[in-house]
Amino acid sequence: MVVYPNVDDIFGDKAQSIADAVTNNISQYAQRVSAASGNTMKNMDLQTLFNVQYDLIFKQKIPRRLVFKTVATAFIAQAEYRSHKRLPVAETLIQQETLPGYTAVPEGASDDVWKQWLVTHYRSNFHPIGTAAMMPRDIGGVVDVNHTVYGTAKVRLADASALLFQVCGHLVSTLYVEAERVADVIKSQSPLF
């Protein structure tokens, strides 16, 4: 079963304190990421992007399961585990659990048990994106809002490399929308349509 909880579903009454901690540390996160990447992106540009993500996650409260998967900790894993079991339809839809399973991680397991399971079994849901990002050229963008590659007239890019953020666990539906949008832009600029 795939569930896309928002920040409140996962963190409950701790969501606001986590939001406060994240917002208070965005500049430090940006500095560390900038330094780790050899300053290929400027600190201020990263802060802008991180603030967009913050607004989506903590203000608009969009479901973003992947965001939490990429920073998986025992606390988050336990919160997700509990939230899935508390869904109103959980008893009807969930017939048995496959992973981690109650034998590997018993209900009410300690942080240490969760950490051990995560270290040995967990793999993030990673899809490469943003290698030719749609953003202003002066901050490293490769394509404009019409998916035209900067410096060209008719070269378009319509794949995951243009995406700045991964909006769900799998890219396929996002890429369908992106491809449809690019097709609409091309058709609107063509005398053939």
C-alpha atoms as a PDB file:
ATOM      1  CA  MET A   1       0.000   0.000   0.000  1.00  0.00           C
ATOM      2  CA  VAL A   2       1.303   3.425  -0.898  1.00  0.00           C
ATOM      3  CA  VAL A   3       0.483   6.238   1.482  1.00  0.00           C
ATOM      4  CA  TYR A   4       1.466   9.873   0.976  1.00  0.00           C
ATOM      5  CA  PRO A   5       1.119  11.479   4.390  1.00  0.00           C
ATOM      6  CA  ASN A   6       1.687  15.156   5.006  1.00  0.00           C
ATOM      7  CA  VAL A   7       3.877  16.549   7.768  1.00  0.00           C
ATOM      8  CA  ASP A   8       1.046  16.499  10.340  1.00  0.00           C
ATOM      9  CA  ASP A   9       0.229  12.864   9.577  1.00  0.00           C
ATOM     10  CA  ILE A  10       3.803  11.850  10.283  1.00  0.00           C
ATOM     11  CA  PHE A  11       4.852  14.109  13.143  1.00  0.00           C
ATOM     12  CA  GLY A  12       1.482  14.877  14.746  1.00  0.00           C
ATOM     13  CA  ASP A  13       1.739  17.409  17.567  1.00  0.00           C
ATOM     14  CA  LYS A  14       5.518  17.644  17.036  1.00  0.00           C
ATOM     15  CA  ALA A  15       5.128  18.998  13.474  1.00  0.00           C
ATOM     16  CA  GLN A  16       5.350  22.657  14.498  1.00  0.00           C
ATOM     17  CA  SER A  17       8.469  22.178  16.610  1.00  0.00           C
ATOM     18  CA  ILE A  18      10.103  20.305  13.724  1.00  0.00           C
ATOM     19  CA  ALA A  19       9.038  23.067  11.318  1.00  0.00           C
ATOM     20  CA  ASP A  20      10.585  25.642  13.651  1.00  0.00           C
ATOM     21  CA  ALA A  21      13.823  23.669  13.869  1.00  0.00           C
ATOM     22  CA  VAL A  22      14.016  23.319  10.087  1.00  0.00           C
ATOM     23  CA  THR A  23      13.325  26.991   9.395  1.00  0.00           C
ATOM     24  CA  ASN A  24      15.865  28.063  12.013  1.00  0.00           C
ATOM     25  CA  ASN A  25      18.531  25.939  10.294  1.00  0.00           C
ATOM     26  CA  ILE A  26      17.867  26.538   6.591  1.00  0.00           C
ATOM     27  CA  SER A  27      20.828  28.895   6.225  1.00  0.00           C
ATOM     28  CA  GLN A  28      23.173  26.374   7.876  1.00  0.00           C
ATOM     29  CA  TYR A  29      21.817  23.570   5.645  1.00  0.00           C
ATOM     30  CA  ALA A  30      22.419  25.743   2.580  1.00  0.00           C
ATOM     31  CA  GLN A  31      25.961  26.550   3.685  1.00  0.00           C
ATOM     32  CA  ARG A  32      26.777  22.873   4.219  1.00  0.00           C
ATOM     33  CA  VAL A  33      25.268  21.768   0.908  1.00  0.00           C
ATOM     34  CA  SER A  34      27.015  24.577  -0.951  1.00  0.00           C
ATOM     35  CA  ALA A  35      30.369  23.680   0.615  1.00  0.00           C
ATOM     36  CA  ALA A  36      29.863  19.936   0.003  1.00  0.00           C
ATOM     37  CA  SER A  37      29.178  20.607  -3.683  1.00  0.00           C
ATOM     38  CA  GLY A  38      32.298  22.711  -4.092  1.00  0.00           C
ATOM     39  CA  ASN A  39      30.124  25.837  -4.161  1.00  0.00           C
ATOM     40  CA  THR A  40      28.622  24.894  -7.518  1.00  0.00           C
ATOM     41  CA  MET A  41      25.429  26.489  -6.190  1.00  0.00           C
ATOM     42  CA  LYS A  42      25.593  29.624  -4.109  1.00  0.00           C
ATOM     43  CA  ASN A  43      24.444  29.554  -0.517  1.00  0.00           C
ATOM     44  CA  MET A  44      21.714  32.163  -1.131  1.00  0.00           C
ATOM     45  CA  ASP A  45      20.350  30.282  -4.159  1.00  0.00           C
ATOM     46  CA  LEU A  46      20.138  27.102  -2.104  1.00  0.00           C
ATOM     47  CA  GLN A  47      18.377  28.971   0.692  1.00  0.00           C
ATOM     48  CA  THR A  48      15.779  30.141  -1.829  1.00  0.00           C
ATOM     49  CA  LEU A  49      15.199  26.570  -3.017  1.00  0.00           C
ATOM     50  CA  PHE A  50      15.105  25.207   0.541  1.00  0.00           C
ATOM     51  CA  ASN A  51      12.550  27.862   1.501  1.00  0.00           C
ATOM     52  CA  VAL A  52      10.336  26.772  -1.395  1.00  0.00           C
ATOM     53  CA  GLN A  53      10.538  23.186  -0.144  1.00  0.00           C
ATOM     54  CA  TYR A  54       9.836  24.341   3.417  1.00  0.00           C
ATOM     55  CA  ASP A  55       6.708  26.210   2.288  1.00  0.00           C
ATOM     56  CA  LEU A  56       5.443  23.195   0.360  1.00  0.00           C
ATOM     57  CA  ILE A  57       6.019  20.789   3.221  1.00  0.00           C
ATOM     58  CA  PHE A  58       5.222  22.817   6.323  1.00  0.00           C
ATOM     59  CA  LYS A  59       2.865  25.593   5.132  1.00  0.00           C
ATOM     60  CA  GLN A  60       0.950  24.041   2.249  1.00  0.00           C
ATOM     61  CA  LYS A  61       1.284  20.600   3.856  1.00  0.00           C
ATOM     62  CA  ILE A  62       1.451  18.729   0.584  1.00  0.00           C
ATOM     63  CA  PRO A  63       2.000  14.990   0.846  1.00  0.00           C
ATOM     64  CA  ARG A  64       5.725  14.419   0.327  1.00  0.00           C
ATOM     65  CA  ARG A  65       6.678  10.964   1.483  1.00  0.00           C
ATOM     66  CA  LEU A  66      10.069  11.080  -0.178  1.00  0.00           C
ATOM     67  CA  VAL A  67      11.203  14.066   1.801  1.00  0.00           C
ATOM     68  CA  PHE A  68      10.960  12.013   4.931  1.00  0.00           C
ATOM     69  CA  LYS A  69      12.533   8.957   3.356  1.00  0.00           C
ATOM     70  CA  THR A  70      15.665  10.865   2.481  1.00  0.00           C
ATOM     71  CA  VAL A  71      16.230  11.855   6.101  1.00  0.00           C
ATOM     72  CA  ALA A  72      15.065   8.556   7.567  1.00  0.00           C
ATOM     73  CA  THR A  73      15.716   8.064  11.232  1.00  0.00           C
ATOM     74  CA  ALA A  74      14.330   5.645  13.753  1.00  0.00           C
ATOM     75  CA  PHE A  75      11.941   8.360  14.935  1.00  0.00           C
ATOM     76  CA  ILE A  76      10.531   8.996  11.468  1.00  0.00           C
ATOM     77  CA  ALA A  77      10.294   5.293  10.662  1.00  0.00           C
ATOM     78  CA  GLN A  78       8.358   4.684  13.867  1.00  0.00           C
ATOM     79  CA  ALA A  79       6.060   7.640  13.191  1.00  0.00           C
ATOM     80  CA  GLU A  80       5.301   6.410   9.672  1.00  0.00           C
ATOM     81  CA  TYR A  81       4.756   2.901  10.966  1.00  0.00           C
ATOM     82  CA  ARG A  82       2.296   4.141  13.595  1.00  0.00           C
ATOM     83  CA  SER A  83       0.516   6.512  11.202  1.00  0.00           C
ATOM     84  CA  HIS A  84      -0.119   3.735   8.673  1.00  0.00           C
ATOM     85  CA  LYS A  85      -1.608   1.544  11.386  1.00  0.00           C
ATOM     86  CA  ARG A  86      -3.899   4.383  12.537  1.00  0.00           C
ATOM     87  CA  LEU A  87      -5.445   5.003   9.130  1.00  0.00           C
ATOM     88  CA  PRO A  88      -9.235   4.622   9.315  1.00  0.00           C
ATOM     89  CA  VAL A  89      -9.129   1.844   6.721  1.00  0.00           C
ATOM     90  CA  ALA A  90      -6.006   0.119   8.039  1.00  0.00           C
ATOM     91  CA  GLU A  91      -7.802  -2.834   9.592  1.00  0.00           C
ATOM     92  CA  THR A  92      -9.773  -3.409   6.390  1.00  0.00           C
ATOM     93  CA  LEU A  93      -6.978  -2.928   3.854  1.00  0.00           C
ATOM     94  CA  ILE A  94      -3.893  -4.207   5.633  1.00  0.00           C
ATOM     95  CA  GLN A  95      -4.131  -7.990   5.790  1.00  0.00           C
ATOM     96  CA  GLN A  96      -0.494  -8.646   6.692  1.00  0.00           C
ATOM     97  CA  GLU A  97       2.698  -6.707   6.924  1.00  0.00           C
ATOM     98  CA  THR A  98       5.657  -7.673   4.807  1.00  0.00           C
ATOM     99  CA  LEU A  99       8.396  -5.191   5.765  1.00  0.00           C
ATOM    100  CA  PRO A 100       9.762  -4.773   8.306  1.00  0.00           C
ATOM    101  CA  GLY A 101       7.343  -7.327   9.744  1.00  0.00           C
ATOM    102  CA  TYR A 102       6.576  -7.894  13.391  1.00  0.00           C
ATOM    103  CA  THR A 103       9.291 -10.522  13.742  1.00  0.00           C
ATOM    104  CA  ALA A 104      12.018  -8.134  12.535  1.00  0.00           C
ATOM    105  CA  VAL A 105      10.655  -5.050  14.295  1.00  0.00           C
ATOM    106  CA  PRO A 106       8.065  -5.890  16.962  1.00  0.00           C
ATOM    107  CA  GLU A 107       5.280  -3.440  17.675  1.00  0.00           C
ATOM    108  CA  GLY A 108       6.599  -0.942  20.225  1.00  0.00           C
ATOM    109  CA  ALA A 109      10.238  -1.734  19.388  1.00  0.00           C
ATOM    110  CA  SER A 110      12.983   0.469  20.794  1.00  0.00           C
ATOM    111  CA  ASP A 111      14.884   3.085  18.814  1.00  0.00           C
ATOM    112  CA  ASP A 112      17.890   0.750  18.731  1.00  0.00           C
ATOM    113  CA  VAL A 113      15.873  -2.054  17.111  1.00  0.00           C
ATOM    114  CA  TRP A 114      14.533   0.380  14.505  1.00  0.00           C
ATOM    115  CA  LYS A 115      17.991   1.823  13.846  1.00  0.00           C
ATOM    116  CA  GLN A 116      19.436  -1.656  13.335  1.00  0.00           C
ATOM    117  CA  TRP A 117      16.670  -2.578  10.885  1.00  0.00           C
ATOM    118  CA  LEU A 118      17.075   0.708   8.966  1.00  0.00           C
ATOM    119  CA  VAL A 119      20.855   0.374   8.738  1.00  0.00           C
ATOM    120  CA  THR A 120      20.688  -3.177   7.406  1.00  0.00           C
ATOM    121  CA  HIS A 121      17.548  -3.077   5.241  1.00  0.00           C
ATOM    122  CA  TYR A 122      16.554   0.445   4.331  1.00  0.00           C
ATOM    123  CA  ARG A 123      17.180   1.941   0.913  1.00  0.00           C
ATOM    124  CA  SER A 124      15.966   5.362  -0.099  1.00  0.00           C
ATOM    125  CA  ASN A 125      13.691   5.884  -3.051  1.00  0.00           C
ATOM    126  CA  PHE A 126      16.134   7.811  -5.223  1.00  0.00           C
ATOM    127  CA  HIS A 127      15.584   9.081  -8.717  1.00  0.00           C
ATOM    128  CA  PRO A 128      18.169  11.400 -10.265  1.00  0.00           C
ATOM    129  CA  ILE A 129      16.633  14.781 -11.001  1.00  0.00           C
ATOM    130  CA  GLY A 130      17.697  18.374 -11.512  1.00  0.00           C
ATOM    131  CA  THR A 131      20.827  17.786 -13.568  1.00  0.00           C
ATOM    132  CA  ALA A 132      19.507  20.259 -16.170  1.00  0.00           C
ATOM    133  CA  ALA A 133      17.256  22.224 -13.837  1.00  0.00           C
ATOM    134  CA  MET A 134      14.506  24.620 -14.825  1.00  0.00           C
ATOM    135  CA  MET A 135      15.560  27.780 -13.030  1.00  0.00           C
ATOM    136  CA  PRO A 136      17.187  31.087 -13.891  1.00  0.00           C
ATOM    137  CA  ARG A 137      20.357  30.687 -15.903  1.00  0.00           C
ATOM    138  CA  ASP A 138      22.338  32.940 -13.553  1.00  0.00           C
ATOM    139  CA  ILE A 139      21.913  30.470 -10.696  1.00  0.00           C
ATOM    140  CA  GLY A 140      22.766  27.397 -12.729  1.00  0.00           C
ATOM    141  CA  GLY A 141      19.576  26.675 -14.625  1.00  0.00           C
ATOM    142  CA  VAL A 142      19.712  24.903 -17.976  1.00  0.00           C
ATOM    143  CA  VAL A 143      16.140  25.344 -19.250  1.00  0.00           C
ATOM    144  CA  ASP A 144      13.570  28.137 -19.012  1.00  0.00           C
ATOM    145  CA  VAL A 145       9.901  27.836 -18.003  1.00  0.00           C
ATOM    146  CA  ASN A 146       9.025  26.680 -21.529  1.00  0.00           C
ATOM    147  CA  HIS A 147      11.633  23.916 -21.294  1.00  0.00           C
ATOM    148  CA  THR A 148      13.816  25.594 -23.918  1.00  0.00           C
ATOM    149  CA  VAL A 149      17.516  24.987 -23.351  1.00  0.00           C
ATOM    150  CA  TYR A 150      19.215  28.327 -22.724  1.00  0.00           C
ATOM    151  CA  GLY A 151      21.171  29.552 -25.742  1.00  0.00           C
ATOM    152  CA  THR A 152      19.046  27.600 -28.240  1.00  0.00           C
ATOM    153  CA  ALA A 153      15.890  28.422 -30.159  1.00  0.00           C
ATOM    154  CA  LYS A 154      14.162  25.090 -30.583  1.00  0.00           C
ATOM    155  CA  VAL A 155      15.838  22.565 -28.320  1.00  0.00           C
ATOM    156  CA  ARG A 156      13.465  21.427 -25.562  1.00  0.00           C
ATOM    157  CA  LEU A 157      14.055  19.238 -22.567  1.00  0.00           C
ATOM    158  CA  ALA A 158      11.197  17.182 -21.173  1.00  0.00           C
ATOM    159  CA  ASP A 159      12.535  14.717 -18.643  1.00  0.00           C
ATOM    160  CA  ALA A 160      13.396  14.400 -14.961  1.00  0.00           C
ATOM    161  CA  SER A 161      16.588  16.412 -15.344  1.00  0.00           C
ATOM    162  CA  ALA A 162      14.503  19.617 -15.526  1.00  0.00           C
ATOM    163  CA  LEU A 163      12.793  18.988 -12.177  1.00  0.00           C
ATOM    164  CA  LEU A 164      14.080  20.786  -9.099  1.00  0.00           C
ATOM    165  CA  PHE A 165      12.189  18.700  -6.545  1.00  0.00           C
ATOM    166  CA  GLN A 166      10.882  15.179  -6.479  1.00  0.00           C
ATOM    167  CA  VAL A 167       7.212  15.563  -5.664  1.00  0.00           C
ATOM    168  CA  CYS A 168       6.319  11.981  -4.850  1.00  0.00           C
ATOM    169  CA  GLY A 169       7.820   8.545  -4.419  1.00  0.00           C
ATOM    170  CA  HIS A 170       7.893   7.843  -8.135  1.00  0.00           C
ATOM    171  CA  LEU A 171       8.387  10.245 -11.017  1.00  0.00           C
ATOM    172  CA  VAL A 172       6.149   8.730 -13.665  1.00  0.00           C
ATOM    173  CA  SER A 173       3.003  10.827 -13.114  1.00  0.00           C
ATOM    174  CA  THR A 174       5.045  14.013 -12.742  1.00  0.00           C
ATOM    175  CA  LEU A 175       6.861  13.268 -15.988  1.00  0.00           C
ATOM    176  CA  TYR A 176       3.584  12.592 -17.814  1.00  0.00           C
ATOM    177  CA  VAL A 177       2.388  16.051 -16.804  1.00  0.00           C
ATOM    178  CA  GLU A 178       5.721  17.610 -17.742  1.00  0.00           C
ATOM    179  CA  ALA A 179       5.641  15.975 -21.187  1.00  0.00           C
ATOM    180  CA  GLU A 180       2.041  17.104 -21.775  1.00  0.00           C
ATOM    181  CA  ARG A 181       2.960  20.647 -20.763  1.00  0.00           C
ATOM    182  CA  VAL A 182       5.945  20.737 -23.132  1.00  0.00           C
ATOM    183  CA  ALA A 183       3.781  19.352 -25.935  1.00  0.00           C
ATOM    184  CA  ASP A 184       1.230  22.127 -25.303  1.00  0.00           C
ATOM    185  CA  VAL A 185       3.978  24.775 -25.395  1.00  0.00           C
ATOM    186  CA  ILE A 186       5.385  23.400 -28.660  1.00  0.00           C
ATOM    187  CA  LYS A 187       1.916  23.217 -30.246  1.00  0.00           C
ATOM    188  CA  SER A 188       1.108  26.790 -29.161  1.00  0.00           C
ATOM    189  CA  GLN A 189       4.223  28.039 -30.962  1.00  0.00           C
ATOM    190  CA  SER A 190       3.791  25.976 -34.128  1.00  0.00           C
ATOM    191  CA  PRO A 191       1.823  27.028 -37.213  1.00  0.00           C
ATOM    192  CA  LEU A 192       0.870  23.369 -37.702  1.00  0.00           C
ATOM    193  CA  PHE A 193      -1.632  23.363 -34.826  1.00  0.00           C
END
